[in-house]
Amino acid sequence: MSQAIMDLVEKSSLKENPPEFEIGDTVDVHLKILEGNKERIQVFSGVVIARSGTGSREMFSVRRIVAGEGVERKFAVHSPRIEKVEVKRSGVVRRAKLYFLRNRVGKAVRLKERRRS
């Protein structure tokens, strides 16, 4: 009974067309940023290293290298702050979580590209 009520409440906050991407994809996440009374779009690009959760609690982690330092950021898939998620490249992976990329440097971080037909 309570699960049915929770599903009804969650349904209102879900996006109609959630972005489609997989682990290992290189993506551009377009975020709405509020600065004072102005709103602008900021792009965070990197590799999707993890996805977790379901429904309105679904999250994904994106990792990129900035000035030689690894930066990770978690996003909610159904967040109203996310304008869009663009898939730039798809990588061949054999794991659900790519945490091993944290220990790699330089060319070892690259993933093989998945060919789409």
Protein backbone atom coordinates (compact mmCIF):
# COMPACT_ATOMS: atom_id res chain seq x y z
CA MET A 1 0.00 0.00 0.00
CA SER A 2 2.64 2.54 1.04
CA GLN A 3 4.82 1.61 -1.96
CA ALA A 4 1.93 2.41 -4.31
CA ILE A 5 1.55 5.82 -2.69
CA MET A 6 5.30 6.46 -3.02
CA ASP A 7 5.16 5.53 -6.73
CA LEU A 8 2.34 8.02 -7.31
CA VAL A 9 4.25 10.80 -5.57
CA GLU A 10 7.46 10.01 -7.48
CA LYS A 11 5.71 9.88 -10.85
CA SER A 12 5.09 13.64 -10.80
CA SER A 13 8.83 14.41 -10.49
CA LEU A 14 10.03 12.04 -13.24
CA LYS A 15 11.06 13.40 -16.64
CA GLU A 16 8.99 12.46 -19.69
CA ASN A 17 12.05 11.54 -21.78
CA PRO A 18 15.01 10.78 -19.50
CA PRO A 19 18.41 10.97 -21.22
CA GLU A 20 19.69 7.71 -22.70
CA PHE A 21 23.34 6.88 -22.02
CA GLU A 22 25.35 3.98 -20.63
CA ILE A 23 28.36 3.44 -18.42
CA GLY A 24 31.57 4.19 -20.33
CA ASP A 25 29.99 6.87 -22.51
CA THR A 26 31.68 10.25 -22.79
CA VAL A 27 28.91 12.79 -22.21
CA ASP A 28 28.29 16.53 -22.02
CA VAL A 29 25.92 17.37 -19.15
CA HIS A 30 24.24 20.76 -19.73
CA LEU A 31 23.33 22.28 -16.34
CA LYS A 32 21.27 25.35 -15.52
CA ILE A 33 23.27 27.57 -13.16
CA LEU A 34 21.71 30.48 -11.25
CA GLU A 35 23.99 33.50 -10.73
CA GLY A 36 22.09 36.20 -8.92
CA ASN A 37 18.97 36.70 -10.99
CA LYS A 38 20.53 35.43 -14.23
CA GLU A 39 20.41 31.84 -15.45
CA ARG A 40 22.99 30.29 -17.75
CA ILE A 41 23.97 26.87 -19.07
CA GLN A 42 27.24 25.28 -17.91
CA VAL A 43 28.61 22.15 -19.57
CA PHE A 44 30.34 19.39 -17.56
CA SER A 45 31.91 16.81 -19.85
CA GLY A 46 33.49 13.51 -18.89
CA VAL A 47 33.09 9.73 -18.72
CA VAL A 48 30.10 8.12 -16.99
CA ILE A 49 31.67 5.82 -14.39
CA ALA A 50 28.57 4.73 -12.44
CA ARG A 51 24.78 4.65 -12.32
CA SER A 52 22.74 3.86 -9.24
CA GLY A 53 19.20 3.99 -7.89
CA THR A 54 15.81 3.82 -9.54
CA GLY A 55 12.93 6.19 -10.15
CA SER A 56 13.41 9.75 -8.95
CA ARG A 57 16.47 8.68 -6.92
CA GLU A 58 18.45 7.55 -9.98
CA MET A 59 21.95 9.08 -10.05
CA PHE A 60 24.99 8.94 -12.30
CA SER A 61 28.64 9.89 -11.77
CA VAL A 62 30.77 11.66 -14.36
CA ARG A 63 34.56 11.86 -14.12
CA ARG A 64 36.94 14.15 -15.97
CA ILE A 65 40.53 15.35 -15.65
CA VAL A 66 41.06 19.07 -15.03
CA ALA A 67 44.63 20.43 -14.86
CA GLY A 68 45.97 16.95 -14.10
CA GLU A 69 43.51 16.41 -11.24
CA GLY A 70 40.55 14.01 -11.39
CA VAL A 71 37.14 15.60 -10.76
CA GLU A 72 33.96 13.58 -10.20
CA ARG A 73 30.44 14.88 -9.97
CA LYS A 74 27.15 13.12 -9.28
CA PHE A 75 23.92 14.13 -11.00
CA ALA A 76 20.30 13.11 -10.56
CA VAL A 77 18.92 11.78 -13.87
CA HIS A 78 15.51 13.39 -13.33
CA SER A 79 16.81 16.70 -11.98
CA PRO A 80 15.10 19.83 -13.39
CA ARG A 81 18.55 21.52 -13.37
CA ILE A 82 19.80 19.20 -16.12
CA GLU A 83 18.92 20.68 -19.50
CA LYS A 84 20.22 17.75 -21.57
CA VAL A 85 22.82 14.99 -21.67
CA GLU A 86 24.67 14.65 -24.99
CA VAL A 87 26.53 11.42 -25.74
CA LYS A 88 29.78 12.31 -27.51
CA ARG A 89 31.38 8.86 -27.60
CA SER A 90 30.49 5.35 -26.45
CA GLY A 91 33.09 3.20 -24.74
CA VAL A 92 33.42 -0.58 -24.60
CA VAL A 93 33.20 -1.65 -20.95
CA ARG A 94 32.76 -4.95 -19.14
CA ARG A 95 31.82 -3.61 -15.71
CA ALA A 96 28.91 -1.76 -14.14
CA LYS A 97 31.18 0.58 -12.15
CA LEU A 98 34.38 2.03 -13.61
CA TYR A 99 36.03 3.02 -10.33
CA PHE A 100 39.32 1.50 -11.54
CA LEU A 101 39.75 4.61 -13.74
CA ARG A 102 40.50 6.60 -10.58
CA ASN A 103 43.91 4.91 -10.29
CA ARG A 104 44.88 5.42 -13.94
CA VAL A 105 46.75 8.31 -15.49
CA GLY A 106 47.23 9.57 -19.05
CA LYS A 107 46.48 7.25 -21.97
CA ALA A 108 45.50 4.39 -19.63
CA VAL A 109 42.28 6.28 -18.82
CA ARG A 110 41.01 5.98 -22.40
CA LEU A 111 38.34 3.41 -23.28
CA LYS A 112 37.94 1.66 -26.62
CA GLU A 113 35.18 3.17 -28.72
CA ARG A 114 32.02 1.14 -29.34
CA ARG A 115 31.00 1.13 -32.98
CA ARG A 116 27.32 1.82 -33.60
CA SER A 117 25.68 0.43 -36.72
